[in-house]
Amino acid sequence: FLDKVLLKIRDETNAEAGTIFILRKKKTTWLEPVSIQNDKIPVSNTEFKIDLKSPAIASYVANSGLSILIDDVYLLDDKLPYQFNKNYDIESGYKSKSVLAFPLNTFEGKTIGVIELGSSKAGALNSINALKLIEILPLFSLALKRSLEDMENRIQAIIKEKCTAVHPAVEWRFRKAAMNLLEKENTDEFANMEEIVFRDVYPLYALSDIRNSSNTRNRAIQKDLRDNLRLAKDIISAASAVKLMPEFEHIIYKIDKHIYMLEDGLQTGDEAAVAAFLKNEIEPLFLSIADLSYDTQEAIKNYKEAIDPDLGLVYRKRKEYDQSVKTLNENVAAIVDAEELYAQTIFPHYFEKYKTDGVEYTMYIGDSISEKEDFHPVYLKNLRLWQFILMCRVAAMAEKVKPMLKIQLELAHLVLVQNTPLAIRFHHDQKKFDVDGTYNVHYEIMKKRIDKAEIRGREERLTQPGKIAIVYSQQAEANEYLQYIEYLQAKGFLKKEVENLELEDLQGVYGLRALRVAVDLDSKVFDSVLKSDIEFNNELN
């Protein structure tokens, strides 16, 4: 549609070339070309953008709302508030001369874009052309507004269908891919969405893991299963006391056997086996033995009251465990989510968070992720320090939350450092980002296994409650974090002792080391707001 409209406008004005710019606004405001045409040279909708703060002709028209007619752009007075960018002619081989530029306004007077027409002949665009354009611009602006709204709806539909929810920091790239897909579908109905890859990005990974969560959960399941079996045994014992039957004794034997096996620990399949035993051999007896005695009726009543209606099993200790995990996770996630909004102001980055037995999150930062801002290593340092302070605060919060937990849980904290950038690719089938390339997969392997790492020669887990472990492979990474540790010790976040540790090799992961330092959980610094704690001194830059 836009290409057809621009062609019509060029026909009416005898313009050799033309561009329709749309006004875009996020943190900054810029003009983005949505249709480019030139009869003299081949052109395409390239990725260039015009900042509204620049002295470009289109910027001046968008800011002022005024039209501009120029006979020869190479004869412009240097004192004018707008100038022609000669680099375009140098790069394209086209020789611009006359230019006619108009703002595109809605009926309410709001500027939504700019049309810039051009010719290689001086004076080819004149006041007569301008009058013709003035007559059709209002209708074109209305059509353009409707077209943009329709395009936005189609873009959002593509993103929702092919990508589900998209993180705000990378939404611009998905919009671009969706727009390109719409353009390709005009000539190819079987067109696919292009690959979305962010190269040379730095990963920041952190984990606050519930220590010994599997053992704690298993103990809760064991307790519930034993209680479930004992309630079943009470029923059969009450029935056996009234009516002696060998099968009752046999069932009691099988119940005791299950209880005894659970005493040795929970094995794979135990929960399913007990559930099947209760459903198939115990509960079907209720109807036939309920009237044997008052004690039998009460035992059946107690059994049913103890059973969770959704699970069909006793769900007391496991419920306490699940609620405790939920409380801890929600408090950690609340801190991370709130402070992540601040972290985006340091530099736009991709962020993903997962809640399991604890909370883990990964950030990717680099020039390719930001649409408008240029990346500098100082932003990486800022985010690393922010992440470190965040982990300190999470550790302090976990200590304060303990009295709220029905089952006592401990959080252990870990940060994985990598100075080598990598690439991440969006997988349309899985609708998520993952590292790209065989070499980069090594980083994902480290993420999955590092929380189980042990200190070499000590049979001691690296991650410990109340402490933060910084895992690294290069000495330069350690040196950087030693500066942060010194700074945070001075600020009151960390205790004085710092452990420098060598880690046992993991499957496919070798040569890792770690720094480990305890958080000063009693420090009053944790009463302040996280983002105000970041005073990134010059010596850390």
Protein backbone atom coordinates (compact mmCIF):
# COMPACT_ATOMS: atom_id res chain seq x y z
CA PHE A 1 0.00 0.00 0.00
CA LEU A 2 2.69 2.50 0.98
CA ASP A 3 4.73 1.72 -2.12
CA LYS A 4 1.68 2.34 -4.32
CA VAL A 5 0.92 5.65 -2.60
CA LEU A 6 4.52 6.85 -2.90
CA LEU A 7 4.53 5.95 -6.60
CA LYS A 8 1.31 7.95 -7.08
CA ILE A 9 2.81 10.99 -5.31
CA ARG A 10 5.97 10.78 -7.41
CA ASP A 11 3.88 10.62 -10.59
CA GLU A 12 1.97 13.74 -9.54
CA THR A 13 5.18 15.67 -8.78
CA ASN A 14 7.56 14.22 -11.41
CA ALA A 15 9.96 13.19 -8.64
CA GLU A 16 12.70 10.68 -9.50
CA ALA A 17 13.03 9.48 -5.92
CA GLY A 18 11.04 9.48 -2.73
CA THR A 19 10.95 8.16 0.82
CA ILE A 20 8.12 7.80 3.31
CA PHE A 21 9.39 8.10 6.88
CA ILE A 22 7.34 7.03 9.91
CA LEU A 23 7.91 8.64 13.30
CA ARG A 24 8.98 6.08 15.90
CA LYS A 25 9.32 6.73 19.60
CA LYS A 26 10.76 4.74 22.48
CA LYS A 27 13.44 6.16 24.75
CA THR A 28 14.44 8.33 21.81
CA THR A 29 12.51 9.53 18.76
CA TRP A 30 13.55 8.82 15.20
CA LEU A 31 12.32 8.60 11.61
CA GLU A 32 12.24 5.16 10.04
CA PRO A 33 11.86 4.62 6.27
CA VAL A 34 8.95 2.34 5.33
CA SER A 35 9.02 2.92 1.57
CA ILE A 36 12.02 3.99 -0.59
CA GLN A 37 11.95 4.46 -4.35
CA ASN A 38 14.43 5.77 -6.93
CA ASP A 39 14.17 5.55 -10.71
CA LYS A 40 17.90 6.05 -11.23
CA ILE A 41 19.46 3.51 -8.85
CA PRO A 42 18.31 0.26 -7.17
CA VAL A 43 17.15 0.81 -3.59
CA SER A 44 15.60 -1.18 -0.74
CA ASN A 45 14.18 -0.50 2.70
CA THR A 46 17.54 -0.42 4.44
CA GLU A 47 18.06 -0.31 8.19
CA PHE A 48 19.09 3.35 8.42
CA LYS A 49 17.22 5.66 10.79
CA ILE A 50 17.25 9.42 11.23
CA ASP A 51 17.50 10.74 14.79
CA LEU A 52 15.14 13.67 15.35
CA LYS A 53 17.98 15.52 17.05
CA SER A 54 20.06 15.42 13.86
CA PRO A 55 20.19 18.40 11.41
CA ALA A 56 18.76 16.25 8.59
CA ILE A 57 16.09 17.79 6.35
CA ALA A 58 13.50 15.18 7.35
CA SER A 59 14.23 15.75 11.05
CA TYR A 60 13.67 19.48 10.69
CA VAL A 61 10.35 18.93 8.88
CA ALA A 62 9.15 16.48 11.57
CA ASN A 63 10.16 18.78 14.44
CA SER A 64 8.91 22.04 12.96
CA GLY A 65 5.87 20.83 11.07
CA LEU A 66 7.00 22.99 8.13
CA SER A 67 7.43 22.01 4.49
CA ILE A 68 10.76 22.57 2.72
CA LEU A 69 11.45 23.14 -0.98
CA ILE A 70 15.13 23.21 -2.02
CA ASP A 71 16.33 23.89 -5.57
CA ASP A 72 19.84 22.52 -5.02
CA VAL A 73 20.88 20.79 -1.78
CA TYR A 74 24.55 21.38 -2.56
CA LEU A 75 24.02 25.15 -2.39
CA LEU A 76 22.43 25.22 1.08
CA ASP A 77 23.60 27.96 3.44
CA ASP A 78 25.59 26.50 6.36
CA LYS A 79 23.65 28.73 8.76
CA LEU A 80 20.32 27.02 8.06
CA PRO A 81 18.90 24.76 10.84
CA TYR A 82 18.93 21.80 8.45
CA GLN A 83 21.58 20.35 6.12
CA PHE A 84 21.79 17.71 3.42
CA ASN A 85 23.77 14.56 4.27
CA LYS A 86 26.13 14.12 1.32
CA ASN A 87 27.12 10.64 2.53
CA TYR A 88 23.97 9.24 0.93
CA ASP A 89 25.07 10.38 -2.52
CA ILE A 90 28.62 9.17 -1.93
CA GLU A 91 27.48 5.67 -0.88
CA SER A 92 24.69 5.26 -3.46
CA GLY A 93 26.19 6.99 -6.49
CA TYR A 94 23.08 9.13 -6.87
CA LYS A 95 23.48 12.89 -7.31
CA SER A 96 20.76 14.71 -5.38
CA LYS A 97 19.74 18.21 -6.36
CA SER A 98 16.19 19.44 -5.66
CA VAL A 99 14.27 18.22 -2.61
CA LEU A 100 10.65 18.65 -1.52
CA ALA A 101 9.76 17.50 2.02
CA PHE A 102 6.36 17.59 3.75
CA PRO A 103 5.19 16.56 7.22
CA LEU A 104 2.47 13.92 7.45
CA ASN A 105 -0.10 15.06 10.00
CA THR A 106 -3.30 13.52 11.32
CA PHE A 107 -6.49 15.58 11.31
CA GLU A 108 -5.71 16.38 14.95
CA GLY A 109 -2.43 17.97 13.84
CA LYS A 110 -0.16 15.23 15.20
CA THR A 111 2.92 14.51 13.04
CA ILE A 112 3.20 10.80 12.21
CA GLY A 113 5.83 10.94 9.47
CA VAL A 114 7.54 12.77 6.64
CA ILE A 115 7.54 12.46 2.85
CA GLU A 116 10.78 13.46 1.19
CA LEU A 117 10.91 13.67 -2.62
CA GLY A 118 14.04 14.18 -4.67
CA SER A 119 15.43 14.73 -8.15
CA SER A 120 18.89 14.80 -9.70
CA LYS A 121 17.91 17.95 -11.62
CA ALA A 122 18.14 21.33 -9.92
CA GLY A 123 14.74 23.04 -9.73
CA ALA A 124 12.87 19.97 -10.99
CA LEU A 125 10.69 20.08 -7.87
CA ASN A 126 8.97 23.46 -7.56
CA SER A 127 6.04 25.30 -6.03
CA ILE A 128 3.64 23.86 -8.60
CA ASN A 129 4.59 20.34 -7.50
CA ALA A 130 4.17 21.43 -3.89
CA LEU A 131 0.61 22.67 -4.52
CA LYS A 132 -0.34 19.35 -6.09
CA LEU A 133 1.03 17.54 -3.05
CA ILE A 134 -0.81 19.80 -0.60
CA GLU A 135 -4.15 18.83 -2.18
CA ILE A 136 -3.71 15.09 -1.61
CA LEU A 137 -1.69 15.01 1.63
CA PRO A 138 -4.66 15.11 4.10
CA LEU A 139 -6.28 12.07 2.51
CA PHE A 140 -2.95 10.30 2.28
CA SER A 141 -2.20 10.99 5.95
CA LEU A 142 -5.54 9.45 6.95
CA ALA A 143 -4.90 6.41 4.76
CA LEU A 144 -1.39 6.12 6.16
CA LYS A 145 -2.66 6.20 9.76
CA ARG A 146 -5.14 3.42 9.01
CA SER A 147 -2.48 1.45 7.17
CA LEU A 148 -0.08 1.71 10.11
CA GLU A 149 -2.78 0.57 12.53
CA ASP A 150 -3.58 -2.40 10.29
CA MET A 151 0.13 -3.23 9.96
CA GLU A 152 0.58 -3.03 13.73
CA ASN A 153 -2.29 -5.49 14.24
CA ARG A 154 -0.80 -7.87 11.69
CA ILE A 155 2.68 -7.57 13.24
CA GLN A 156 1.31 -8.33 16.71
CA ALA A 157 -0.63 -11.30 15.32
CA ILE A 158 2.55 -12.72 13.73
CA ILE A 159 4.57 -12.23 16.92
CA LYS A 160 1.84 -13.82 19.05
CA GLU A 161 1.51 -16.80 16.69
CA LYS A 162 5.18 -17.49 16.06
CA CYS A 163 6.96 -16.15 19.13
CA THR A 164 4.40 -15.88 22.01
CA ALA A 165 5.47 -13.29 24.60
CA VAL A 166 8.51 -11.24 23.62
CA HIS A 167 10.82 -9.47 26.05
CA PRO A 168 10.53 -5.68 25.61
CA ALA A 169 14.28 -5.22 25.09
CA VAL A 170 14.23 -7.35 21.91
CA GLU A 171 10.71 -6.59 20.69
CA TRP A 172 12.12 -4.26 18.03
CA ARG A 173 13.92 -7.18 16.35
CA PHE A 174 10.78 -9.31 16.28
CA ARG A 175 8.81 -6.38 14.84
CA LYS A 176 11.40 -6.02 12.11
CA ALA A 177 11.21 -9.74 11.32
CA ALA A 178 7.41 -9.59 11.27
CA MET A 179 7.45 -6.61 8.90
CA ASN A 180 9.88 -8.40 6.61
CA LEU A 181 7.62 -11.45 6.64
CA LEU A 182 4.62 -9.34 5.65
CA GLU A 183 6.62 -7.94 2.77
CA LYS A 184 7.77 -11.40 1.61
CA GLU A 185 4.23 -12.79 1.79
CA ASN A 186 3.23 -10.38 -0.97
CA THR A 187 5.23 -12.50 -3.43
CA ASP A 188 5.56 -15.83 -1.59
CA GLU A 189 2.60 -17.26 0.30
CA PHE A 190 4.85 -19.94 1.84
CA ALA A 191 7.40 -17.44 3.20
CA ASN A 192 8.86 -18.16 6.64
CA MET A 193 9.91 -15.79 9.37
CA GLU A 194 13.63 -15.03 9.24
CA GLU A 195 16.10 -16.28 11.83
CA ILE A 196 16.56 -14.01 14.85
CA VAL A 197 20.10 -14.16 16.19
CA PHE A 198 21.91 -11.81 18.55
CA ARG A 199 25.66 -12.17 18.19
CA ASP A 200 28.51 -11.12 20.48
CA VAL A 201 26.42 -10.84 23.62
CA TYR A 202 27.73 -11.30 27.15
CA PRO A 203 25.87 -13.71 29.44
CA LEU A 204 25.21 -13.02 33.13
CA TYR A 205 23.85 -16.03 34.99
CA ALA A 206 22.81 -16.20 38.65
CA LEU A 207 21.12 -18.84 40.75
CA SER A 208 19.54 -18.78 44.20
CA ASP A 209 18.98 -22.46 44.85
CA ILE A 210 17.17 -24.13 47.74
CA ARG A 211 19.81 -26.26 49.42
CA ASN A 212 19.06 -30.00 49.60
CA SER A 213 15.61 -29.40 48.09
CA SER A 214 15.33 -32.95 46.72
CA ASN A 215 16.05 -34.53 50.10
CA THR A 216 13.67 -32.16 51.89
CA ARG A 217 10.91 -32.85 49.37
CA ASN A 218 11.48 -36.60 49.59
CA ARG A 219 11.27 -36.52 53.37
CA ALA A 220 7.95 -34.66 53.11
CA ILE A 221 6.63 -37.24 50.65
CA GLN A 222 7.84 -40.10 52.86
CA LYS A 223 6.06 -38.62 55.88
CA ASP A 224 2.79 -38.19 53.97
CA LEU A 225 2.92 -41.69 52.50
CA ARG A 226 3.64 -43.25 55.90
CA ASP A 227 0.75 -41.29 57.45
CA ASN A 228 -1.48 -42.38 54.58
CA LEU A 229 -0.56 -46.02 55.14
CA ARG A 230 -1.04 -45.77 58.91
CA LEU A 231 -4.53 -44.35 58.38
CA ALA A 232 -5.24 -47.29 56.10
CA LYS A 233 -3.86 -49.68 58.71
CA ASP A 234 -6.17 -48.16 61.36
CA ILE A 235 -9.16 -49.00 59.16
CA ILE A 236 -8.14 -52.61 58.53
CA SER A 237 -7.13 -53.11 62.20
CA ALA A 238 -10.54 -51.83 63.35
CA ALA A 239 -12.26 -54.21 60.94
CA SER A 240 -10.03 -57.12 62.01
CA ALA A 241 -10.84 -56.48 65.68
CA VAL A 242 -14.51 -57.15 64.94
CA LYS A 243 -14.24 -59.80 62.28
CA LEU A 244 -11.21 -62.05 62.17
CA MET A 245 -10.28 -62.72 58.57
CA PRO A 246 -6.91 -63.94 57.24
CA GLU A 247 -7.06 -61.42 54.38
CA PHE A 248 -7.19 -58.54 56.87
CA GLU A 249 -3.97 -59.81 58.42
CA HIS A 250 -2.47 -60.17 54.93
CA ILE A 251 -3.37 -56.58 54.08
CA ILE A 252 -1.90 -55.31 57.38
CA TYR A 253 1.31 -57.21 56.51
CA LYS A 254 1.47 -55.50 53.11
CA ILE A 255 0.86 -52.09 54.70
CA ASP A 256 3.65 -52.67 57.22
CA LYS A 257 5.93 -53.77 54.39
CA HIS A 258 5.31 -50.53 52.51
CA ILE A 259 5.95 -48.51 55.68
CA TYR A 260 9.16 -50.40 56.37
CA MET A 261 10.43 -49.84 52.81
CA LEU A 262 9.75 -46.11 53.12
CA GLU A 263 11.88 -45.97 56.27
CA ASP A 264 14.94 -46.70 54.12
CA GLY A 265 14.27 -43.67 51.93
CA LEU A 266 12.11 -42.79 48.98
CA GLN A 267 12.96 -44.72 45.83
CA THR A 268 11.81 -44.08 42.28
CA GLY A 269 8.33 -45.51 41.89
CA ASP A 270 7.55 -45.74 45.63
CA GLU A 271 4.93 -42.99 45.53
CA ALA A 272 3.17 -44.52 42.54
CA ALA A 273 3.31 -47.99 44.11
CA VAL A 274 1.76 -46.82 47.39
CA ALA A 275 -0.92 -44.83 45.56
CA ALA A 276 -1.84 -47.86 43.43
CA PHE A 277 -1.92 -50.10 46.50
CA LEU A 278 -4.27 -47.75 48.35
CA LYS A 279 -6.56 -47.21 45.35
CA ASN A 280 -6.73 -50.85 44.29
CA GLU A 281 -6.59 -52.81 47.55
CA ILE A 282 -7.63 -50.55 50.44
CA GLU A 283 -10.25 -48.04 49.31
CA PRO A 284 -12.46 -50.60 47.49
CA LEU A 285 -12.99 -52.31 50.91
CA PHE A 286 -14.51 -49.22 52.56
CA LEU A 287 -18.09 -49.88 51.46
CA SER A 288 -18.13 -53.49 52.62
CA ILE A 289 -16.44 -52.98 56.02
CA ALA A 290 -17.87 -49.59 57.05
CA ASP A 291 -20.77 -51.13 58.99
CA LEU A 292 -18.64 -53.58 60.93
CA SER A 293 -18.18 -51.20 63.89
CA TYR A 294 -18.19 -47.59 65.04
CA ASP A 295 -14.36 -47.68 65.16
CA THR A 296 -14.25 -48.78 61.54
CA GLN A 297 -16.53 -45.93 60.50
CA GLU A 298 -14.44 -43.40 62.39
CA ALA A 299 -11.20 -44.74 60.89
CA ILE A 300 -12.66 -44.45 57.36
CA LYS A 301 -13.87 -40.94 58.17
CA ASN A 302 -10.42 -39.93 59.43
CA TYR A 303 -8.85 -41.40 56.28
CA LYS A 304 -11.12 -39.48 53.93
CA GLU A 305 -10.69 -36.21 55.80
CA ALA A 306 -6.93 -36.53 55.54
CA ILE A 307 -6.95 -37.18 51.80
CA ASP A 308 -6.39 -34.26 49.43
CA PRO A 309 -9.32 -34.24 46.98
CA ASP A 310 -7.13 -33.44 43.99
CA LEU A 311 -4.24 -35.82 44.67
CA GLY A 312 -6.20 -38.61 46.32
CA LEU A 313 -3.41 -38.95 48.90
CA VAL A 314 -2.38 -37.38 52.17
CA TYR A 315 -0.91 -33.97 51.31
CA ARG A 316 0.23 -32.34 54.54
CA LYS A 317 4.00 -32.23 54.72
CA ARG A 318 4.31 -31.90 50.96
CA LYS A 319 1.88 -29.01 51.09
CA GLU A 320 3.98 -27.36 53.78
CA TYR A 321 7.05 -27.89 51.62
CA ASP A 322 5.37 -26.58 48.46
CA GLN A 323 4.03 -23.53 50.29
CA SER A 324 7.44 -22.82 51.82
CA VAL A 325 9.12 -23.06 48.41
CA LYS A 326 6.44 -20.83 46.91
CA THR A 327 6.86 -18.21 49.64
CA LEU A 328 10.62 -18.19 49.24
CA ASN A 329 10.50 -18.14 45.44
CA GLU A 330 7.91 -15.36 45.31
CA ASN A 331 9.97 -13.16 47.60
CA VAL A 332 13.13 -13.75 45.56
CA ALA A 333 11.29 -13.22 42.27
CA ALA A 334 9.68 -10.02 43.55
CA ILE A 335 13.08 -8.52 44.33
CA VAL A 336 14.56 -9.64 41.01
CA ASP A 337 11.60 -8.40 38.95
CA ALA A 338 11.48 -5.01 40.64
CA GLU A 339 15.20 -4.39 40.29
CA GLU A 340 15.31 -5.75 36.73
CA LEU A 341 13.25 -2.71 35.69
CA TYR A 342 16.06 -0.54 37.01
CA ALA A 343 18.72 -2.71 35.38
CA GLN A 344 17.14 -2.06 31.98
CA THR A 345 17.95 1.64 32.45
CA ILE A 346 21.65 0.76 32.73
CA PHE A 347 21.56 -0.76 29.26
CA PRO A 348 18.82 -2.66 27.37
CA HIS A 349 19.33 -6.40 27.71
CA TYR A 350 17.49 -9.67 27.28
CA PHE A 351 16.33 -11.20 30.56
CA GLU A 352 14.76 -14.54 31.39
CA LYS A 353 13.85 -15.98 34.79
CA TYR A 354 12.85 -19.47 35.91
CA LYS A 355 11.34 -20.61 39.20
CA THR A 356 11.86 -24.20 40.31
CA ASP A 357 13.43 -25.09 43.66
CA GLY A 358 14.77 -21.58 43.82
CA VAL A 359 15.11 -18.86 41.20
CA GLU A 360 17.61 -18.66 38.36
CA TYR A 361 17.94 -15.93 35.77
CA THR A 362 20.07 -15.20 32.73
CA MET A 363 20.79 -11.83 31.14
CA TYR A 364 22.37 -11.19 27.76
CA ILE A 365 23.87 -7.80 27.01
CA GLY A 366 25.59 -6.53 23.88
CA ASP A 367 25.45 -4.11 20.99
CA SER A 368 23.26 -6.35 18.84
CA ILE A 369 20.45 -6.42 21.41
CA SER A 370 20.01 -2.67 21.71
CA GLU A 371 18.16 -0.99 18.88
CA LYS A 372 19.40 2.54 19.51
CA GLU A 373 22.12 2.63 22.17
CA ASP A 374 25.78 1.81 21.58
CA PHE A 375 27.27 -0.81 23.87
CA HIS A 376 30.35 -0.10 25.99
CA PRO A 377 32.08 -2.52 28.41
CA VAL A 378 31.27 -0.19 31.30
CA TYR A 379 27.62 -1.25 30.97
CA LEU A 380 28.64 -4.88 31.46
CA LYS A 381 30.57 -3.92 34.60
CA ASN A 382 27.59 -1.98 35.92
CA LEU A 383 25.25 -4.93 35.41
CA ARG A 384 27.69 -7.34 37.02
CA LEU A 385 27.95 -5.14 40.08
CA TRP A 386 24.17 -4.70 40.12
CA GLN A 387 23.77 -8.49 39.93
CA PHE A 388 26.23 -8.99 42.80
CA ILE A 389 24.37 -6.51 45.03
CA LEU A 390 21.09 -8.16 44.07
CA MET A 391 22.40 -11.56 45.19
CA CYS A 392 23.46 -10.05 48.52
CA ARG A 393 20.00 -8.66 49.03
CA VAL A 394 18.34 -11.95 48.08
CA ALA A 395 20.48 -13.72 50.68
CA ALA A 396 19.45 -11.21 53.35
CA MET A 397 15.79 -11.49 52.37
CA ALA A 398 15.91 -15.29 52.62
CA GLU A 399 17.11 -14.99 56.19
CA LYS A 400 14.24 -12.64 57.10
CA VAL A 401 11.65 -14.89 55.44
CA LYS A 402 12.66 -18.01 57.40
CA PRO A 403 10.16 -17.47 60.26
CA MET A 404 7.35 -17.45 57.67
CA LEU A 405 8.25 -20.92 56.37
CA LYS A 406 6.54 -24.03 57.74
CA ILE A 407 9.52 -26.07 56.60
CA GLN A 408 12.92 -24.47 57.08
CA LEU A 409 14.70 -23.96 53.79
CA GLU A 410 18.13 -22.53 53.04
CA LEU A 411 19.16 -20.61 49.92
CA ALA A 412 22.61 -20.96 48.36
CA HIS A 413 23.74 -18.45 45.75
CA LEU A 414 25.92 -18.69 42.67
CA VAL A 415 27.07 -16.40 39.87
CA LEU A 416 28.67 -17.78 36.69
CA VAL A 417 31.08 -15.38 34.97
CA GLN A 418 32.09 -15.49 31.31
CA ASN A 419 34.10 -12.77 29.56
CA THR A 420 33.83 -14.42 26.16
CA PRO A 421 30.77 -13.24 24.21
CA LEU A 422 28.47 -15.74 22.54
CA ALA A 423 25.42 -15.80 20.26
CA ILE A 424 21.80 -16.58 21.10
CA ARG A 425 19.22 -17.73 18.57
CA PHE A 426 15.43 -17.73 18.82
CA HIS A 427 14.03 -21.19 18.12
CA HIS A 428 10.60 -20.77 16.53
CA ASP A 429 9.60 -24.38 17.28
CA GLN A 430 10.37 -24.04 21.00
CA LYS A 431 9.46 -20.32 21.10
CA LYS A 432 12.50 -19.45 23.18
CA PHE A 433 16.10 -18.27 22.94
CA ASP A 434 19.04 -20.63 23.31
CA VAL A 435 22.76 -20.32 22.77
CA ASP A 436 23.84 -20.73 19.16
CA GLY A 437 26.71 -22.91 17.98
CA THR A 438 28.59 -25.92 19.33
CA TYR A 439 31.20 -23.88 21.19
CA ASN A 440 28.58 -21.80 22.96
CA VAL A 441 26.69 -24.91 24.11
CA HIS A 442 29.53 -25.45 26.58
CA TYR A 443 28.21 -22.45 28.52
CA GLU A 444 24.76 -24.03 28.79
CA ILE A 445 26.33 -27.27 30.05
CA MET A 446 28.14 -25.30 32.77
CA LYS A 447 24.87 -23.62 33.79
CA LYS A 448 23.11 -26.95 34.21
CA ARG A 449 25.88 -28.65 36.22
CA ILE A 450 27.71 -25.99 38.16
CA ASP A 451 25.33 -25.90 41.15
CA LYS A 452 26.41 -29.48 41.95
CA ALA A 453 30.13 -28.62 41.89
CA GLU A 454 32.35 -29.64 44.81
CA ILE A 455 35.58 -28.12 46.08
CA ARG A 456 38.57 -30.13 44.97
CA GLY A 457 39.84 -32.50 47.66
CA ARG A 458 37.27 -31.49 50.32
CA GLU A 459 34.03 -33.36 49.45
CA GLU A 460 32.21 -30.10 50.12
CA ARG A 461 29.57 -28.48 47.94
CA LEU A 462 30.60 -25.13 46.53
CA THR A 463 27.24 -23.49 47.16
CA GLN A 464 26.55 -22.88 50.84
CA PRO A 465 23.68 -21.06 52.60
CA GLY A 466 24.37 -17.40 53.26
CA LYS A 467 27.33 -17.34 50.87
CA ILE A 468 27.77 -16.28 47.26
CA ALA A 469 30.00 -18.34 44.95
CA ILE A 470 31.49 -16.63 41.90
CA VAL A 471 32.49 -19.29 39.36
CA TYR A 472 35.04 -18.34 36.71
CA SER A 473 37.59 -19.83 34.31
CA GLN A 474 39.92 -16.90 33.58
CA GLN A 475 42.00 -14.96 36.09
CA ALA A 476 40.87 -11.66 34.57
CA GLU A 477 37.31 -12.56 35.60
CA ALA A 478 38.43 -13.23 39.16
CA ASN A 479 40.36 -9.95 39.31
CA GLU A 480 37.28 -8.01 38.27
CA TYR A 481 35.10 -9.63 40.93
CA LEU A 482 37.74 -9.20 43.62
CA GLN A 483 37.33 -5.46 43.05
CA TYR A 484 33.58 -5.78 43.47
CA ILE A 485 34.04 -7.84 46.64
CA GLU A 486 36.37 -5.25 48.14
CA TYR A 487 33.87 -2.51 47.28
CA LEU A 488 30.88 -4.41 48.74
CA GLN A 489 32.84 -5.27 51.87
CA ALA A 490 33.47 -1.56 52.35
CA LYS A 491 29.76 -0.88 51.83
CA GLY A 492 28.77 -3.48 54.44
CA PHE A 493 27.26 -6.12 52.17
CA LEU A 494 29.90 -8.82 52.62
CA LYS A 495 32.05 -10.26 55.38
CA LYS A 496 35.83 -9.98 55.22
CA GLU A 497 36.94 -13.52 54.46
CA VAL A 498 37.23 -14.46 50.77
CA GLU A 499 37.86 -18.07 49.72
CA ASN A 500 39.69 -18.81 46.47
CA LEU A 501 38.73 -22.33 45.48
CA GLU A 502 39.52 -24.93 42.84
CA LEU A 503 36.58 -27.07 41.75
CA GLU A 504 36.36 -30.75 40.98
CA ASP A 505 35.86 -31.51 37.30
CA LEU A 506 32.29 -32.06 36.16
CA GLN A 507 31.14 -34.09 33.19
CA GLY A 508 32.25 -32.07 30.18
CA VAL A 509 33.37 -29.13 32.37
CA TYR A 510 37.00 -28.76 33.46
CA GLY A 511 39.33 -26.25 35.07
CA LEU A 512 36.82 -24.07 36.87
CA ARG A 513 37.65 -22.03 39.94
CA ALA A 514 35.52 -19.97 42.31
CA LEU A 515 35.55 -17.13 44.78
CA ARG A 516 33.28 -17.60 47.76
CA VAL A 517 32.30 -14.95 50.27
CA ALA A 518 29.70 -14.77 53.05
CA VAL A 519 26.97 -12.15 53.06
CA ASP A 520 26.80 -10.01 56.21
CA LEU A 521 23.19 -10.90 56.96
CA ASP A 522 23.03 -8.59 59.99
CA SER A 523 24.21 -5.51 58.13
CA LYS A 524 21.90 -2.48 58.20
CA VAL A 525 22.75 -1.78 54.58
CA PHE A 526 19.97 -4.19 53.60
CA ASP A 527 17.37 -1.75 54.91
CA SER A 528 18.08 0.57 51.97
CA VAL A 529 16.85 0.39 48.40
CA LEU A 530 18.94 -1.72 46.04
CA LYS A 531 19.27 0.67 43.13
CA SER A 532 20.45 3.49 45.39
CA ASP A 533 23.27 1.24 46.60
CA ILE A 534 24.95 1.26 43.23
CA GLU A 535 27.67 3.86 43.41
CA PHE A 536 29.95 2.68 40.69
CA ASN A 537 33.22 4.35 41.61
CA ASN A 538 35.70 5.40 38.93
CA GLU A 539 38.25 2.86 40.10
CA LEU A 540 35.84 0.07 39.13
CA ASN A 541 35.45 1.36 35.58
